[in-house]
Amino acid sequence: MSLHVEAATEGDIPAWLELAAEVGDLFGVDMAGDPEFHRTLKCNIARGTAFCVRVDNELAGAMLFRRGWINWLAVRKRFRHRGAGRALVTHAILGGENEVRVTTFGERHPHPEADGARGLYSAMGFELTHAVPKPASDKTPREILVWRAQKSRLG
């Protein structure tokens, strides 16, 4: 299966909101119903920093990526472990930045699917930093990971 990452458009917003609703329990917040998430999504689409990957024309995963930061990344449950997340992270890494950072779920995050995100980033060469992330709205642990071009283990 070949996955292609492309810039999101205004027409993608309903699918993004469906995805946000699906993963809300993982992030501990109702992003689909949050007017700030809607504004952030529209702003990122307008400036070309919202990306999506599709499988058979269906939105499989989505990412907000700007200035070396993956600000949000999610994959629909039925498309996990099929390369959608890896395609999005690879797109960020190949964007020409020497470092790519992401705030992700901490080691003791209580959600059973939180380890999957950390595992993906680790497998792609991201390493734990000592930076302290902004507290999550649901008070669950978070950590900041970094990928550095000179230490890349892409594969």
C-alpha atoms as a PDB file:
ATOM      1  CA  MET A   1       0.000   0.000   0.000  1.00  0.00           C
ATOM      2  CA  SER A   2       1.453   3.335  -1.055  1.00  0.00           C
ATOM      3  CA  LEU A   3       0.654   6.258   1.214  1.00  0.00           C
ATOM      4  CA  HIS A   4       0.961   9.821   0.003  1.00  0.00           C
ATOM      5  CA  VAL A   5       0.990  12.820   2.330  1.00  0.00           C
ATOM      6  CA  GLU A   6      -0.628  15.982   1.002  1.00  0.00           C
ATOM      7  CA  ALA A   7      -1.598  19.395   2.249  1.00  0.00           C
ATOM      8  CA  ALA A   8      -5.072  19.533   3.748  1.00  0.00           C
ATOM      9  CA  THR A   9      -7.798  21.711   2.251  1.00  0.00           C
ATOM     10  CA  GLU A  10     -10.937  23.332   3.632  1.00  0.00           C
ATOM     11  CA  GLY A  11     -12.858  20.372   2.202  1.00  0.00           C
ATOM     12  CA  ASP A  12     -10.974  18.075   4.578  1.00  0.00           C
ATOM     13  CA  ILE A  13     -12.265  19.793   7.731  1.00  0.00           C
ATOM     14  CA  PRO A  14     -15.252  17.450   8.324  1.00  0.00           C
ATOM     15  CA  ALA A  15     -12.961  14.386   8.101  1.00  0.00           C
ATOM     16  CA  TRP A  16     -10.432  16.037  10.459  1.00  0.00           C
ATOM     17  CA  LEU A  17     -13.189  16.691  12.979  1.00  0.00           C
ATOM     18  CA  GLU A  18     -14.345  13.066  12.733  1.00  0.00           C
ATOM     19  CA  LEU A  19     -10.760  11.976  13.404  1.00  0.00           C
ATOM     20  CA  ALA A  20     -10.456  14.418  16.310  1.00  0.00           C
ATOM     21  CA  ALA A  21     -13.665  13.017  17.810  1.00  0.00           C
ATOM     22  CA  GLU A  22     -12.365   9.464  17.430  1.00  0.00           C
ATOM     23  CA  VAL A  23      -9.089  10.166  19.261  1.00  0.00           C
ATOM     24  CA  GLY A  24     -10.447  12.592  21.856  1.00  0.00           C
ATOM     25  CA  ASP A  25     -10.221  10.034  24.664  1.00  0.00           C
ATOM     26  CA  LEU A  26      -6.532   9.528  23.906  1.00  0.00           C
ATOM     27  CA  PHE A  27      -5.816  13.259  24.057  1.00  0.00           C
ATOM     28  CA  GLY A  28      -8.131  13.740  27.041  1.00  0.00           C
ATOM     29  CA  VAL A  29     -10.114  16.556  25.452  1.00  0.00           C
ATOM     30  CA  ASP A  30     -13.035  17.038  23.053  1.00  0.00           C
ATOM     31  CA  MET A  31     -11.084  18.633  20.207  1.00  0.00           C
ATOM     32  CA  ALA A  32     -13.894  18.118  17.688  1.00  0.00           C
ATOM     33  CA  GLY A  33     -16.144  20.325  19.803  1.00  0.00           C
ATOM     34  CA  ASP A  34     -13.454  22.870  20.708  1.00  0.00           C
ATOM     35  CA  PRO A  35     -13.749  26.177  18.799  1.00  0.00           C
ATOM     36  CA  GLU A  36     -10.000  26.772  19.365  1.00  0.00           C
ATOM     37  CA  PHE A  37      -9.165  23.487  17.607  1.00  0.00           C
ATOM     38  CA  HIS A  38     -11.396  24.569  14.698  1.00  0.00           C
ATOM     39  CA  ARG A  39      -9.581  27.930  14.465  1.00  0.00           C
ATOM     40  CA  THR A  40      -6.167  26.289  14.730  1.00  0.00           C
ATOM     41  CA  LEU A  41      -7.051  23.777  12.021  1.00  0.00           C
ATOM     42  CA  LYS A  42      -8.342  26.462   9.643  1.00  0.00           C
ATOM     43  CA  CYS A  43      -5.253  28.618  10.248  1.00  0.00           C
ATOM     44  CA  ASN A  44      -2.921  25.676   9.557  1.00  0.00           C
ATOM     45  CA  ILE A  45      -4.812  24.780   6.389  1.00  0.00           C
ATOM     46  CA  ALA A  46      -4.572  28.381   5.169  1.00  0.00           C
ATOM     47  CA  ARG A  47      -0.812  28.543   5.709  1.00  0.00           C
ATOM     48  CA  GLY A  48      -0.138  25.042   4.353  1.00  0.00           C
ATOM     49  CA  THR A  49       0.950  23.412   7.621  1.00  0.00           C
ATOM     50  CA  ALA A  50      -1.884  20.872   7.910  1.00  0.00           C
ATOM     51  CA  PHE A  51      -1.213  17.521   6.243  1.00  0.00           C
ATOM     52  CA  CYS A  52      -3.174  14.358   5.712  1.00  0.00           C
ATOM     53  CA  VAL A  53      -2.686  10.860   4.412  1.00  0.00           C
ATOM     54  CA  ARG A  54      -5.474   8.934   2.739  1.00  0.00           C
ATOM     55  CA  VAL A  55      -6.238   5.284   2.115  1.00  0.00           C
ATOM     56  CA  ASP A  56      -8.706   4.714  -0.732  1.00  0.00           C
ATOM     57  CA  ASN A  57      -9.630   8.422  -0.620  1.00  0.00           C
ATOM     58  CA  GLU A  58     -10.495   8.233   3.089  1.00  0.00           C
ATOM     59  CA  LEU A  59      -8.592  10.367   5.594  1.00  0.00           C
ATOM     60  CA  ALA A  60      -6.462   7.837   7.495  1.00  0.00           C
ATOM     61  CA  GLY A  61      -4.289  10.255   9.454  1.00  0.00           C
ATOM     62  CA  ALA A  62      -3.578  13.930   9.920  1.00  0.00           C
ATOM     63  CA  MET A  63      -0.804  16.153  11.244  1.00  0.00           C
ATOM     64  CA  LEU A  64      -0.203  19.799  12.075  1.00  0.00           C
ATOM     65  CA  PHE A  65       3.487  20.544  11.496  1.00  0.00           C
ATOM     66  CA  ARG A  66       5.106  23.962  11.647  1.00  0.00           C
ATOM     67  CA  ARG A  67       8.575  25.325  12.332  1.00  0.00           C
ATOM     68  CA  GLY A  68      10.068  21.986  13.284  1.00  0.00           C
ATOM     69  CA  TRP A  69       7.227  20.938  15.603  1.00  0.00           C
ATOM     70  CA  ILE A  70       4.670  18.211  15.114  1.00  0.00           C
ATOM     71  CA  ASN A  71       1.867  20.015  16.922  1.00  0.00           C
ATOM     72  CA  TRP A  72      -0.791  17.357  16.468  1.00  0.00           C
ATOM     73  CA  LEU A  73      -0.809  13.929  14.851  1.00  0.00           C
ATOM     74  CA  ALA A  74      -3.553  11.326  14.859  1.00  0.00           C
ATOM     75  CA  VAL A  75      -4.410   8.194  12.904  1.00  0.00           C
ATOM     76  CA  ARG A  76      -7.845   6.593  12.696  1.00  0.00           C
ATOM     77  CA  LYS A  77      -7.956   3.379  14.725  1.00  0.00           C
ATOM     78  CA  ARG A  78      -8.697   1.179  11.713  1.00  0.00           C
ATOM     79  CA  PHE A  79      -5.619   2.525   9.893  1.00  0.00           C
ATOM     80  CA  ARG A  80      -3.115   2.137  12.718  1.00  0.00           C
ATOM     81  CA  HIS A  81      -0.131  -0.143  12.138  1.00  0.00           C
ATOM     82  CA  ARG A  82      -0.549   0.290   8.367  1.00  0.00           C
ATOM     83  CA  GLY A  83       2.017   3.071   7.831  1.00  0.00           C
ATOM     84  CA  ALA A  84      -0.151   6.202   8.018  1.00  0.00           C
ATOM     85  CA  GLY A  85       1.567   7.608  11.103  1.00  0.00           C
ATOM     86  CA  ARG A  86       5.013   6.722   9.754  1.00  0.00           C
ATOM     87  CA  ALA A  87       4.179   8.481   6.458  1.00  0.00           C
ATOM     88  CA  LEU A  88       3.188  11.664   8.287  1.00  0.00           C
ATOM     89  CA  VAL A  89       6.260  11.671  10.550  1.00  0.00           C
ATOM     90  CA  THR A  90       8.503  10.967   7.550  1.00  0.00           C
ATOM     91  CA  HIS A  91       6.949  13.954   5.787  1.00  0.00           C
ATOM     92  CA  ALA A  92       7.879  16.136   8.766  1.00  0.00           C
ATOM     93  CA  ILE A  93      11.418  14.762   8.911  1.00  0.00           C
ATOM     94  CA  LEU A  94      11.984  15.246   5.188  1.00  0.00           C
ATOM     95  CA  GLY A  95      10.759  18.848   5.432  1.00  0.00           C
ATOM     96  CA  GLY A  96      14.313  20.126   5.625  1.00  0.00           C
ATOM     97  CA  GLU A  97      14.496  20.788   9.347  1.00  0.00           C
ATOM     98  CA  ASN A  98      17.634  19.728  11.241  1.00  0.00           C
ATOM     99  CA  GLU A  99      15.464  18.912  14.241  1.00  0.00           C
ATOM    100  CA  VAL A 100      11.842  17.886  14.554  1.00  0.00           C
ATOM    101  CA  ARG A 101      10.176  17.989  17.968  1.00  0.00           C
ATOM    102  CA  VAL A 102       6.934  16.583  19.271  1.00  0.00           C
ATOM    103  CA  THR A 103       5.152  16.619  22.587  1.00  0.00           C
ATOM    104  CA  THR A 104       3.724  13.154  23.088  1.00  0.00           C
ATOM    105  CA  PHE A 105       2.285  10.951  25.788  1.00  0.00           C
ATOM    106  CA  GLY A 106       4.523  10.356  28.788  1.00  0.00           C
ATOM    107  CA  GLU A 107       5.814   6.989  29.883  1.00  0.00           C
ATOM    108  CA  ARG A 108       3.140   6.532  32.563  1.00  0.00           C
ATOM    109  CA  HIS A 109       0.217   7.768  30.453  1.00  0.00           C
ATOM    110  CA  PRO A 110      -2.837   5.717  31.500  1.00  0.00           C
ATOM    111  CA  HIS A 111      -4.408   5.258  28.032  1.00  0.00           C
ATOM    112  CA  PRO A 112      -3.631   1.804  26.577  1.00  0.00           C
ATOM    113  CA  GLU A 113      -2.879   3.253  23.122  1.00  0.00           C
ATOM    114  CA  ALA A 114      -0.403   5.900  24.313  1.00  0.00           C
ATOM    115  CA  ASP A 115       2.555   3.527  23.993  1.00  0.00           C
ATOM    116  CA  GLY A 116       1.918   3.205  20.246  1.00  0.00           C
ATOM    117  CA  ALA A 117       2.706   6.854  19.569  1.00  0.00           C
ATOM    118  CA  ARG A 118       5.866   6.804  21.675  1.00  0.00           C
ATOM    119  CA  GLY A 119       6.920   3.543  20.003  1.00  0.00           C
ATOM    120  CA  LEU A 120       6.509   5.026  16.530  1.00  0.00           C
ATOM    121  CA  TYR A 121       8.573   8.111  17.356  1.00  0.00           C
ATOM    122  CA  SER A 122      11.266   6.026  19.028  1.00  0.00           C
ATOM    123  CA  ALA A 123      11.463   3.631  16.063  1.00  0.00           C
ATOM    124  CA  MET A 124      11.949   6.638  13.783  1.00  0.00           C
ATOM    125  CA  GLY A 125      14.909   7.961  15.763  1.00  0.00           C
ATOM    126  CA  PHE A 126      13.253  10.429  18.151  1.00  0.00           C
ATOM    127  CA  GLU A 127      14.876  10.702  21.564  1.00  0.00           C
ATOM    128  CA  LEU A 128      13.634  11.971  24.898  1.00  0.00           C
ATOM    129  CA  THR A 129      14.663  15.516  25.796  1.00  0.00           C
ATOM    130  CA  HIS A 130      14.976  17.055  29.215  1.00  0.00           C
ATOM    131  CA  ALA A 131      12.579  19.847  28.273  1.00  0.00           C
ATOM    132  CA  VAL A 132       9.443  20.058  30.385  1.00  0.00           C
ATOM    133  CA  PRO A 133       6.266  20.175  28.284  1.00  0.00           C
ATOM    134  CA  LYS A 134       3.308  22.396  28.976  1.00  0.00           C
ATOM    135  CA  PRO A 135       0.908  20.501  31.279  1.00  0.00           C
ATOM    136  CA  ALA A 136      -1.810  18.559  29.489  1.00  0.00           C
ATOM    137  CA  SER A 137      -5.369  19.729  30.059  1.00  0.00           C
ATOM    138  CA  ASP A 138      -6.265  16.270  31.393  1.00  0.00           C
ATOM    139  CA  LYS A 139      -3.190  16.240  33.701  1.00  0.00           C
ATOM    140  CA  THR A 140      -1.763  13.077  32.076  1.00  0.00           C
ATOM    141  CA  PRO A 141       2.021  12.803  31.641  1.00  0.00           C
ATOM    142  CA  ARG A 142       3.613  14.246  28.504  1.00  0.00           C
ATOM    143  CA  GLU A 143       7.186  14.338  27.229  1.00  0.00           C
ATOM    144  CA  ILE A 144       9.051  16.125  24.464  1.00  0.00           C
ATOM    145  CA  LEU A 145      10.941  14.035  21.936  1.00  0.00           C
ATOM    146  CA  VAL A 146      13.379  15.260  19.292  1.00  0.00           C
ATOM    147  CA  TRP A 147      14.636  13.852  16.000  1.00  0.00           C
ATOM    148  CA  ARG A 148      17.994  15.209  14.871  1.00  0.00           C
ATOM    149  CA  ALA A 149      19.154  14.924  11.258  1.00  0.00           C
ATOM    150  CA  GLN A 150      22.716  13.963  12.172  1.00  0.00           C
ATOM    151  CA  LYS A 151      21.494  11.032  14.299  1.00  0.00           C
ATOM    152  CA  SER A 152      18.812   9.845  11.899  1.00  0.00           C
ATOM    153  CA  ARG A 153      17.790   6.206  11.876  1.00  0.00           C
ATOM    154  CA  LEU A 154      14.973   6.567   9.379  1.00  0.00           C
ATOM    155  CA  GLY A 155      13.798   3.263   8.080  1.00  0.00           C
END
